Amino acid sequence: MPYFERINKEYADKKVKVILASLDFPNKVQSQVVPFIKKNELHSEIVLLDDADANSWIPKVSEDWSGAIPATVIYKKENRMFYEKSFTYEELKTEIQKLL
């Protein structure tokens, strides 16, 4: 996550926006998610995906997604890339630059 935060800050002037999605259960938001956000000083937009029917939305994210995390979607208009893996900062930066 630190690499996504770094990208969010360093690429803000290039219209790159990082959105982090939490897949935590809604009853864990106040006890786990919020403290995690504060402790790690996250500034990216964070959304809670609390639809329990994962089988309905996983293929909408990517037909290639097994549902494992971490998962990343990078897109610009009609260009869309999906990754089911972790990134180093340099790997993430390289993938983003492909769309700039």
N, C-alpha and C. Protein backbone atom coordinates (compact mmCIF):
# COMPACT_ATOMS: atom_id res chain seq x y z
N MET A 1 0.79 -1.20 0.00
CA MET A 1 0.00 0.00 0.00
C MET A 1 0.84 1.28 0.00
N PRO A 2 2.01 1.25 0.59
CA PRO A 2 2.81 2.47 0.56
C PRO A 2 3.13 2.93 -0.87
N TYR A 3 3.28 1.99 -1.79
CA TYR A 3 3.59 2.36 -3.17
C TYR A 3 2.41 3.05 -3.84
N PHE A 4 1.21 2.62 -3.52
CA PHE A 4 0.03 3.27 -4.08
C PHE A 4 -0.11 4.68 -3.51
N GLU A 5 0.17 4.83 -2.23
CA GLU A 5 0.13 6.16 -1.62
C GLU A 5 1.17 7.08 -2.27
N ARG A 6 2.33 6.55 -2.51
CA ARG A 6 3.40 7.34 -3.15
C ARG A 6 2.99 7.74 -4.57
N ILE A 7 2.42 6.81 -5.31
CA ILE A 7 1.93 7.11 -6.66
C ILE A 7 0.85 8.18 -6.60
N ASN A 8 -0.07 8.07 -5.67
CA ASN A 8 -1.15 9.04 -5.52
C ASN A 8 -0.59 10.45 -5.33
N LYS A 9 0.44 10.57 -4.55
CA LYS A 9 1.04 11.87 -4.28
C LYS A 9 1.89 12.36 -5.46
N GLU A 10 2.73 11.50 -5.98
CA GLU A 10 3.67 11.91 -7.01
C GLU A 10 3.01 12.15 -8.38
N TYR A 11 1.90 11.51 -8.64
CA TYR A 11 1.26 11.64 -9.94
C TYR A 11 -0.03 12.45 -9.91
N ALA A 12 -0.28 13.12 -8.84
CA ALA A 12 -1.52 13.91 -8.72
C ALA A 12 -1.64 14.94 -9.84
N ASP A 13 -0.53 15.55 -10.22
CA ASP A 13 -0.57 16.58 -11.27
C ASP A 13 -0.72 15.97 -12.67
N LYS A 14 -0.65 14.66 -12.78
CA LYS A 14 -0.81 13.97 -14.05
C LYS A 14 -2.19 13.30 -14.15
N LYS A 15 -3.08 13.71 -13.29
CA LYS A 15 -4.45 13.21 -13.26
C LYS A 15 -4.52 11.70 -13.00
N VAL A 16 -3.63 11.21 -12.17
CA VAL A 16 -3.67 9.83 -11.73
C VAL A 16 -4.36 9.83 -10.37
N LYS A 17 -5.37 8.99 -10.22
CA LYS A 17 -6.10 8.91 -8.97
C LYS A 17 -6.06 7.48 -8.45
N VAL A 18 -5.66 7.32 -7.22
CA VAL A 18 -5.62 6.01 -6.59
C VAL A 18 -6.88 5.85 -5.75
N ILE A 19 -7.57 4.75 -5.96
CA ILE A 19 -8.74 4.41 -5.16
C ILE A 19 -8.46 3.04 -4.56
N LEU A 20 -8.47 2.97 -3.25
CA LEU A 20 -8.25 1.71 -2.55
C LEU A 20 -9.60 1.13 -2.17
N ALA A 21 -9.77 -0.16 -2.39
CA ALA A 21 -11.03 -0.82 -2.04
C ALA A 21 -10.81 -1.77 -0.89
N SER A 22 -11.60 -1.60 0.14
CA SER A 22 -11.56 -2.50 1.28
C SER A 22 -12.63 -3.57 1.08
N LEU A 23 -12.25 -4.82 1.27
CA LEU A 23 -13.19 -5.92 1.16
C LEU A 23 -13.59 -6.45 2.54
N ASP A 24 -13.30 -5.64 3.57
CA ASP A 24 -13.61 -6.04 4.94
C ASP A 24 -15.12 -6.07 5.17
N PHE A 25 -15.52 -6.87 6.15
CA PHE A 25 -16.93 -6.91 6.52
C PHE A 25 -17.34 -5.58 7.14
N PRO A 26 -18.56 -5.11 6.87
CA PRO A 26 -19.00 -3.82 7.40
C PRO A 26 -18.85 -3.71 8.92
N ASN A 27 -19.02 -4.80 9.66
CA ASN A 27 -18.91 -4.71 11.12
C ASN A 27 -17.45 -4.57 11.58
N LYS A 28 -16.50 -4.62 10.67
CA LYS A 28 -15.07 -4.45 11.01
C LYS A 28 -14.55 -3.06 10.66
N VAL A 29 -15.39 -2.23 10.03
CA VAL A 29 -14.94 -0.92 9.58
C VAL A 29 -14.42 -0.07 10.73
N GLN A 30 -15.21 0.11 11.78
CA GLN A 30 -14.80 0.97 12.88
C GLN A 30 -13.69 0.36 13.73
N SER A 31 -13.70 -0.95 13.89
CA SER A 31 -12.72 -1.58 14.77
C SER A 31 -11.40 -1.91 14.08
N GLN A 32 -11.41 -2.10 12.75
CA GLN A 32 -10.18 -2.49 12.07
C GLN A 32 -9.80 -1.56 10.91
N VAL A 33 -10.75 -1.24 10.04
CA VAL A 33 -10.42 -0.47 8.84
C VAL A 33 -10.02 0.96 9.19
N VAL A 34 -10.83 1.65 9.96
CA VAL A 34 -10.54 3.05 10.31
C VAL A 34 -9.21 3.16 11.07
N PRO A 35 -8.96 2.33 12.09
CA PRO A 35 -7.65 2.41 12.75
C PRO A 35 -6.48 2.12 11.79
N PHE A 36 -6.67 1.20 10.85
CA PHE A 36 -5.62 0.89 9.88
C PHE A 36 -5.34 2.12 9.00
N ILE A 37 -6.39 2.79 8.56
CA ILE A 37 -6.24 3.99 7.72
C ILE A 37 -5.48 5.06 8.48
N LYS A 38 -5.85 5.28 9.73
CA LYS A 38 -5.19 6.31 10.54
C LYS A 38 -3.74 5.94 10.84
N LYS A 39 -3.51 4.71 11.25
CA LYS A 39 -2.15 4.26 11.58
C LYS A 39 -1.21 4.38 10.40
N ASN A 40 -1.69 4.06 9.21
CA ASN A 40 -0.85 4.08 8.01
C ASN A 40 -0.94 5.40 7.24
N GLU A 41 -1.68 6.36 7.81
CA GLU A 41 -1.81 7.69 7.24
C GLU A 41 -2.14 7.65 5.75
N LEU A 42 -3.18 6.89 5.42
CA LEU A 42 -3.61 6.76 4.03
C LEU A 42 -4.37 8.01 3.60
N HIS A 43 -4.03 8.52 2.43
CA HIS A 43 -4.68 9.73 1.90
C HIS A 43 -5.43 9.46 0.61
N SER A 44 -5.24 8.28 0.04
CA SER A 44 -5.98 7.92 -1.17
C SER A 44 -7.46 7.75 -0.82
N GLU A 45 -8.28 7.86 -1.84
CA GLU A 45 -9.71 7.60 -1.64
C GLU A 45 -9.88 6.12 -1.29
N ILE A 46 -10.74 5.83 -0.34
CA ILE A 46 -10.96 4.45 0.09
C ILE A 46 -12.45 4.17 0.02
N VAL A 47 -12.79 3.07 -0.62
CA VAL A 47 -14.19 2.67 -0.71
C VAL A 47 -14.34 1.29 -0.06
N LEU A 48 -15.49 1.05 0.50
CA LEU A 48 -15.79 -0.24 1.11
C LEU A 48 -16.69 -1.02 0.15
N LEU A 49 -16.19 -2.15 -0.29
CA LEU A 49 -16.97 -3.03 -1.15
C LEU A 49 -17.55 -4.10 -0.24
N ASP A 50 -18.79 -3.90 0.15
CA ASP A 50 -19.38 -4.79 1.15
C ASP A 50 -20.48 -5.69 0.59
N ASP A 51 -20.47 -5.90 -0.71
CA ASP A 51 -21.43 -6.82 -1.33
C ASP A 51 -20.94 -8.25 -1.08
N ALA A 52 -21.68 -8.98 -0.32
CA ALA A 52 -21.26 -10.34 0.06
C ALA A 52 -21.31 -11.33 -1.10
N ASP A 53 -22.02 -10.98 -2.16
CA ASP A 53 -22.13 -11.88 -3.31
C ASP A 53 -20.96 -11.66 -4.26
N ALA A 54 -19.78 -12.09 -3.85
CA ALA A 54 -18.56 -11.88 -4.63
C ALA A 54 -18.67 -12.48 -6.02
N ASN A 55 -19.38 -13.57 -6.15
CA ASN A 55 -19.50 -14.22 -7.46
C ASN A 55 -20.20 -13.33 -8.49
N SER A 56 -20.97 -12.36 -8.03
CA SER A 56 -21.65 -11.47 -8.96
C SER A 56 -20.76 -10.33 -9.44
N TRP A 57 -19.83 -9.86 -8.61
CA TRP A 57 -19.02 -8.71 -9.03
C TRP A 57 -17.58 -9.03 -9.39
N ILE A 58 -17.03 -10.15 -8.97
CA ILE A 58 -15.65 -10.49 -9.33
C ILE A 58 -15.47 -10.51 -10.86
N PRO A 59 -16.32 -11.18 -11.63
CA PRO A 59 -16.12 -11.18 -13.07
C PRO A 59 -16.31 -9.80 -13.72
N LYS A 60 -17.03 -8.91 -13.04
CA LYS A 60 -17.19 -7.55 -13.57
C LYS A 60 -15.90 -6.76 -13.44
N VAL A 61 -15.11 -7.07 -12.42
CA VAL A 61 -13.81 -6.43 -12.27
C VAL A 61 -12.88 -6.96 -13.35
N SER A 62 -12.82 -8.29 -13.47
CA SER A 62 -12.03 -8.93 -14.52
C SER A 62 -12.44 -10.39 -14.64
N GLU A 63 -12.63 -10.83 -15.86
CA GLU A 63 -12.92 -12.25 -16.11
C GLU A 63 -11.76 -13.13 -15.67
N ASP A 64 -10.55 -12.54 -15.60
CA ASP A 64 -9.34 -13.28 -15.22
C ASP A 64 -9.13 -13.36 -13.71
N TRP A 65 -9.95 -12.63 -12.94
CA TRP A 65 -9.72 -12.56 -11.50
C TRP A 65 -10.29 -13.78 -10.79
N SER A 66 -9.44 -14.43 -10.03
CA SER A 66 -9.88 -15.59 -9.23
C SER A 66 -10.57 -15.15 -7.95
N GLY A 67 -10.43 -13.87 -7.60
CA GLY A 67 -10.97 -13.35 -6.34
C GLY A 67 -9.89 -13.16 -5.30
N ALA A 68 -8.67 -13.60 -5.60
CA ALA A 68 -7.55 -13.45 -4.66
C ALA A 68 -7.13 -11.98 -4.58
N ILE A 69 -6.57 -11.63 -3.45
CA ILE A 69 -6.03 -10.28 -3.28
C ILE A 69 -4.56 -10.38 -2.89
N PRO A 70 -3.76 -9.41 -3.25
CA PRO A 70 -4.14 -8.13 -3.82
C PRO A 70 -4.50 -8.24 -5.30
N ALA A 71 -5.35 -7.33 -5.71
CA ALA A 71 -5.73 -7.20 -7.12
C ALA A 71 -5.72 -5.72 -7.46
N THR A 72 -5.29 -5.40 -8.66
CA THR A 72 -5.16 -4.01 -9.07
C THR A 72 -5.74 -3.84 -10.47
N VAL A 73 -6.49 -2.79 -10.66
CA VAL A 73 -6.98 -2.39 -11.97
C VAL A 73 -6.39 -1.02 -12.26
N ILE A 74 -5.77 -0.90 -13.42
CA ILE A 74 -5.24 0.39 -13.88
C ILE A 74 -5.94 0.67 -15.20
N TYR A 75 -6.55 1.84 -15.30
CA TYR A 75 -7.25 2.13 -16.55
C TYR A 75 -7.20 3.60 -16.90
N LYS A 76 -7.36 3.83 -18.18
CA LYS A 76 -7.50 5.17 -18.74
C LYS A 76 -8.41 5.03 -19.94
N LYS A 77 -9.58 5.62 -19.84
CA LYS A 77 -10.60 5.51 -20.88
C LYS A 77 -10.85 4.05 -21.22
N GLU A 78 -10.65 3.66 -22.47
CA GLU A 78 -10.95 2.27 -22.87
C GLU A 78 -9.80 1.31 -22.60
N ASN A 79 -8.63 1.81 -22.22
CA ASN A 79 -7.48 0.96 -21.91
C ASN A 79 -7.56 0.50 -20.46
N ARG A 80 -7.51 -0.82 -20.27
CA ARG A 80 -7.69 -1.38 -18.93
C ARG A 80 -6.73 -2.54 -18.74
N MET A 81 -6.02 -2.52 -17.60
CA MET A 81 -5.09 -3.59 -17.28
C MET A 81 -5.44 -4.12 -15.89
N PHE A 82 -5.44 -5.43 -15.76
CA PHE A 82 -5.77 -6.07 -14.49
C PHE A 82 -4.59 -6.92 -14.03
N TYR A 83 -4.32 -6.87 -12.72
CA TYR A 83 -3.21 -7.62 -12.14
C TYR A 83 -3.67 -8.27 -10.84
N GLU A 84 -3.32 -9.52 -10.68
CA GLU A 84 -3.61 -10.24 -9.44
C GLU A 84 -2.25 -10.56 -8.82
N LYS A 85 -1.63 -9.52 -8.26
CA LYS A 85 -0.27 -9.66 -7.73
C LYS A 85 0.09 -8.44 -6.90
N SER A 86 1.20 -8.53 -6.20
CA SER A 86 1.77 -7.38 -5.51
C SER A 86 2.72 -6.68 -6.46
N PHE A 87 3.02 -5.42 -6.17
CA PHE A 87 3.92 -4.63 -6.99
C PHE A 87 5.06 -4.06 -6.15
N THR A 88 6.22 -3.91 -6.76
CA THR A 88 7.24 -3.02 -6.21
C THR A 88 6.86 -1.62 -6.69
N TYR A 89 7.46 -0.61 -6.14
CA TYR A 89 7.16 0.75 -6.59
C TYR A 89 7.49 0.91 -8.07
N GLU A 90 8.65 0.40 -8.47
CA GLU A 90 9.08 0.55 -9.86
C GLU A 90 8.14 -0.18 -10.82
N GLU A 91 7.68 -1.36 -10.45
CA GLU A 91 6.74 -2.09 -11.29
C GLU A 91 5.43 -1.32 -11.45
N LEU A 92 4.93 -0.80 -10.36
CA LEU A 92 3.69 -0.03 -10.39
C LEU A 92 3.84 1.22 -11.25
N LYS A 93 4.93 1.91 -11.05
CA LYS A 93 5.21 3.12 -11.82
C LYS A 93 5.30 2.81 -13.31
N THR A 94 5.96 1.72 -13.67
CA THR A 94 6.10 1.32 -15.07
C THR A 94 4.74 1.04 -15.69
N GLU A 95 3.87 0.34 -14.97
CA GLU A 95 2.55 0.02 -15.51
C GLU A 95 1.71 1.27 -15.68
N ILE A 96 1.79 2.19 -14.76
CA ILE A 96 1.03 3.44 -14.86
C ILE A 96 1.53 4.28 -16.03
N GLN A 97 2.83 4.33 -16.20
CA GLN A 97 3.39 5.14 -17.28
C GLN A 97 2.99 4.62 -18.65
N LYS A 98 2.65 3.36 -18.76
CA LYS A 98 2.20 2.82 -20.04
C LYS A 98 0.92 3.49 -20.52
N LEU A 99 0.14 4.01 -19.59
CA LEU A 99 -1.13 4.64 -19.95
C LEU A 99 -1.09 6.16 -19.96
N LEU A 100 0.00 6.74 -19.52
CA LEU A 100 0.07 8.22 -19.50
C LEU A 100 0.42 8.78 -20.87
